[in-house]
Amino acid sequence: MSGKYGADVEQLRDLARALDQAGQTLERHRMTVGNQIKISAWVGPVAVRFRLEWESDHSRRVLAAAHILTQNATLLRQNADEQALASAVDAGAGGAPGAGGSAAPLPQAPVSTADYIRNVSGMHVGEDGLRVQKVIGADGAPRYIVYIDGSGSTQGSRLSWGNNPDALNSLQTDTLSGIRADWRVALDGSGSPGTW
């Protein structure tokens, strides 16, 4: 084994779960604090200033920290999958069909609502509230998932409330155009993961 490096796959996955849980806990606490500071019993200039600072700065920083935790959990899971694949190849078990040795394995498809929420909340500003991701389903078949952060998203302009009337009338919207563009990038592989 000299000259070979790696990681314990189960420890990576355990750490990913811990980071996911920490991110979820942080987000829950952020929501709790946000709801608690809205109580009407607290009045005056200090209350107004704190609420304004919470909404404009502190809450966003806590949310960003929660997103970083969930993004790193995703990276750890991908690293664990890559390590498992590399270990299987080293052991002579062969790689995944069609892996070709150079392409990173696809992430697993979300299996729960929490997985979907983590993927949406883990979006970065460059994604502008939309993500098209190629994943591997439970049956081993590749699939594409479109994540949309929702109308009024603070992520960007493609999800503005102004798109809703056109969407209700089945007309072209910035959101639909964005999905189509991101979809083309995902299908032809011209984008790199995390920038779709």
Protein backbone atom coordinates (compact mmCIF):
# COMPACT_ATOMS: atom_id res chain seq x y z
CA MET A 1 0.00 0.00 0.00
CA SER A 2 2.99 2.36 0.03
CA GLY A 3 2.46 5.42 -2.12
CA LYS A 4 -1.34 5.09 -1.98
CA TYR A 5 -3.60 7.52 -0.20
CA GLY A 6 -7.26 7.42 0.65
CA ALA A 7 -9.92 7.82 3.26
CA ASP A 8 -12.29 5.66 5.24
CA VAL A 9 -15.48 5.84 3.18
CA GLU A 10 -17.81 5.28 6.13
CA GLN A 11 -16.09 7.99 8.18
CA LEU A 12 -16.51 10.42 5.27
CA ARG A 13 -20.19 9.55 5.05
CA ASP A 14 -20.61 9.89 8.82
CA LEU A 15 -18.99 13.32 8.68
CA ALA A 16 -21.27 14.29 5.78
CA ARG A 17 -24.32 13.29 7.85
CA ALA A 18 -23.01 15.31 10.80
CA LEU A 19 -22.50 18.39 8.60
CA ASP A 20 -25.99 17.99 7.14
CA GLN A 21 -27.47 17.77 10.62
CA ALA A 22 -25.50 20.81 11.77
CA GLY A 23 -26.68 22.79 8.74
CA GLN A 24 -30.29 21.81 9.39
CA THR A 25 -29.98 22.69 13.07
CA LEU A 26 -28.46 26.06 12.24
CA GLU A 27 -31.28 26.78 9.78
CA ARG A 28 -33.92 25.77 12.34
CA HIS A 29 -32.38 28.06 14.95
CA ARG A 30 -32.19 30.89 12.41
CA MET A 31 -35.91 30.51 11.74
CA THR A 32 -36.68 30.31 15.46
CA VAL A 33 -34.76 33.50 16.21
CA GLY A 34 -36.38 35.22 13.23
CA ASN A 35 -39.83 34.33 14.52
CA GLN A 36 -39.04 35.22 18.12
CA ILE A 37 -37.78 38.73 17.39
CA LYS A 38 -41.08 39.57 15.71
CA ILE A 39 -42.98 39.50 19.01
CA SER A 40 -45.01 42.63 19.56
CA ALA A 41 -44.03 42.91 23.24
CA TRP A 42 -40.58 44.19 22.27
CA VAL A 43 -40.84 47.79 21.10
CA GLY A 44 -38.60 50.80 20.84
CA PRO A 45 -35.62 51.90 18.79
CA VAL A 46 -33.36 49.07 20.00
CA ALA A 47 -35.92 46.48 18.95
CA VAL A 48 -36.37 48.11 15.54
CA ARG A 49 -32.61 48.35 14.99
CA PHE A 50 -32.01 44.74 16.04
CA ARG A 51 -34.81 43.43 13.80
CA LEU A 52 -33.43 45.39 10.86
CA GLU A 53 -29.88 44.13 11.49
CA TRP A 54 -31.15 40.57 11.91
CA GLU A 55 -33.07 40.59 8.61
CA SER A 56 -30.48 42.49 6.58
CA ASP A 57 -27.26 40.96 7.90
CA HIS A 58 -27.22 38.43 10.73
CA SER A 59 -29.91 36.10 9.38
CA ARG A 60 -28.23 36.00 5.97
CA ARG A 61 -24.86 35.19 7.49
CA VAL A 62 -26.34 32.32 9.51
CA LEU A 63 -28.09 31.05 6.37
CA ALA A 64 -24.83 31.25 4.42
CA ALA A 65 -23.08 29.22 7.14
CA ALA A 66 -25.84 26.59 6.99
CA HIS A 67 -25.44 26.43 3.20
CA ILE A 68 -21.68 25.99 3.50
CA LEU A 69 -22.21 23.07 5.87
CA THR A 70 -24.63 21.33 3.49
CA GLN A 71 -22.43 22.03 0.46
CA ASN A 72 -19.45 20.51 2.23
CA ALA A 73 -21.57 17.51 3.21
CA THR A 74 -22.35 17.01 -0.49
CA LEU A 75 -18.65 17.24 -1.35
CA LEU A 76 -17.81 14.69 1.34
CA ARG A 77 -20.42 12.27 -0.01
CA GLN A 78 -19.01 12.70 -3.52
CA ASN A 79 -15.50 12.14 -2.17
CA ALA A 80 -16.68 9.01 -0.37
CA ASP A 81 -18.25 7.70 -3.60
CA GLU A 82 -15.03 8.44 -5.51
CA GLN A 83 -12.96 6.74 -2.80
CA ALA A 84 -15.23 3.68 -2.86
CA LEU A 85 -14.91 3.50 -6.66
CA ALA A 86 -11.12 3.90 -6.52
CA SER A 87 -10.87 1.23 -3.83
CA ALA A 88 -12.99 -1.14 -5.89
CA VAL A 89 -10.70 -0.61 -8.91
CA ASP A 90 -7.57 -1.14 -6.76
CA ALA A 91 -9.04 -4.36 -5.41
CA GLY A 92 -9.59 -5.64 -8.94
CA ALA A 93 -13.36 -5.39 -8.69
CA GLY A 94 -13.54 -3.02 -11.65
CA GLY A 95 -15.21 0.33 -11.83
CA ALA A 96 -18.71 1.40 -12.58
CA PRO A 97 -19.92 0.62 -16.09
CA GLY A 98 -18.84 3.29 -18.51
CA ALA A 99 -16.89 5.15 -15.83
CA GLY A 100 -13.83 5.36 -18.05
CA GLY A 101 -11.66 6.09 -15.02
CA SER A 102 -11.56 9.87 -15.48
CA ALA A 103 -15.14 11.00 -14.88
CA ALA A 104 -16.27 11.54 -11.31
CA PRO A 105 -19.18 9.33 -10.27
CA LEU A 106 -22.59 10.94 -10.35
CA PRO A 107 -24.22 11.91 -7.05
CA GLN A 108 -27.05 9.75 -5.76
CA ALA A 109 -30.59 10.92 -6.48
CA PRO A 110 -32.34 12.52 -3.51
CA VAL A 111 -34.45 9.98 -1.64
CA SER A 112 -36.25 12.22 0.82
CA THR A 113 -37.78 15.65 1.06
CA ALA A 114 -34.85 16.66 3.27
CA ASP A 115 -32.44 15.71 0.45
CA TYR A 116 -34.34 17.93 -1.99
CA ILE A 117 -34.39 20.82 0.49
CA ARG A 118 -30.64 20.45 1.12
CA ASN A 119 -29.97 20.63 -2.62
CA VAL A 120 -32.12 23.74 -3.03
CA SER A 121 -30.73 25.44 0.07
CA GLY A 122 -27.20 24.53 -1.01
CA MET A 123 -27.43 26.62 -4.17
CA HIS A 124 -24.90 29.36 -4.63
CA VAL A 125 -25.63 32.81 -6.00
CA GLY A 126 -24.14 31.96 -9.40
CA GLU A 127 -26.89 29.40 -9.98
CA ASP A 128 -29.48 32.17 -9.82
CA GLY A 129 -32.00 29.95 -8.03
CA LEU A 130 -31.99 27.15 -10.63
CA ARG A 131 -30.03 23.91 -10.80
CA VAL A 132 -30.19 21.01 -13.25
CA GLN A 133 -28.27 18.05 -11.93
CA LYS A 134 -27.51 14.62 -13.39
CA VAL A 135 -27.82 11.95 -10.71
CA ILE A 136 -27.88 8.19 -10.34
CA GLY A 137 -31.22 6.70 -9.31
CA ALA A 138 -31.64 3.83 -6.85
CA ASP A 139 -31.84 1.48 -9.85
CA GLY A 140 -28.44 2.69 -11.12
CA ALA A 141 -29.91 4.59 -14.08
CA PRO A 142 -28.92 8.22 -14.70
CA ARG A 143 -31.59 10.88 -14.29
CA TYR A 144 -31.85 14.67 -14.40
CA ILE A 145 -33.41 16.73 -11.62
CA VAL A 146 -34.40 20.40 -11.87
CA TYR A 147 -34.21 22.27 -8.56
CA ILE A 148 -36.02 25.62 -8.39
CA ASP A 149 -35.58 27.86 -5.36
CA GLY A 150 -39.04 29.40 -5.76
CA SER A 151 -40.66 32.67 -6.77
CA GLY A 152 -39.30 35.70 -5.04
CA SER A 153 -36.01 33.92 -4.44
CA THR A 154 -33.26 36.21 -3.22
CA GLN A 155 -30.93 34.20 -5.45
CA GLY A 156 -31.53 36.15 -8.63
CA SER A 157 -33.73 37.60 -11.30
CA ARG A 158 -34.83 34.43 -13.12
CA LEU A 159 -37.21 33.65 -10.26
CA SER A 160 -38.80 37.04 -9.75
CA TRP A 161 -42.49 37.36 -8.91
CA GLY A 162 -42.99 39.05 -12.28
CA ASN A 163 -42.66 35.65 -13.98
CA ASN A 164 -45.75 34.23 -12.25
CA PRO A 165 -48.52 35.79 -14.41
CA ASP A 166 -46.84 34.62 -17.63
CA ALA A 167 -46.20 31.16 -16.15
CA LEU A 168 -49.88 30.87 -15.14
CA ASN A 169 -50.84 31.60 -18.75
CA SER A 170 -48.32 29.08 -20.16
CA LEU A 171 -46.20 31.86 -21.67
CA GLN A 172 -42.42 31.98 -21.92
CA THR A 173 -40.74 33.24 -18.71
CA ASP A 174 -37.18 33.98 -17.60
CA THR A 175 -37.48 30.98 -15.27
CA LEU A 176 -38.41 28.63 -18.13
CA SER A 177 -35.67 30.05 -20.35
CA GLY A 178 -33.18 29.52 -17.53
CA ILE A 179 -34.28 25.93 -17.02
CA ARG A 180 -33.94 25.22 -20.75
CA ALA A 181 -30.46 26.79 -20.88
CA ASP A 182 -29.28 24.92 -17.77
CA TRP A 183 -30.83 21.72 -19.12
CA ARG A 184 -28.83 22.02 -22.38
CA VAL A 185 -25.62 22.52 -20.39
CA ALA A 186 -26.38 19.45 -18.26
CA LEU A 187 -27.25 17.28 -21.28
CA ASP A 188 -24.20 18.14 -23.36
CA GLY A 189 -21.86 18.14 -20.36
CA SER A 190 -20.41 21.55 -21.17
CA GLY A 191 -20.89 22.76 -17.61
CA SER A 192 -19.04 21.66 -14.55
CA PRO A 193 -20.87 20.36 -11.46
CA GLY A 194 -21.82 23.18 -9.13
CA THR A 195 -22.21 25.69 -11.95
CA TRP A 196 -25.35 24.30 -13.60
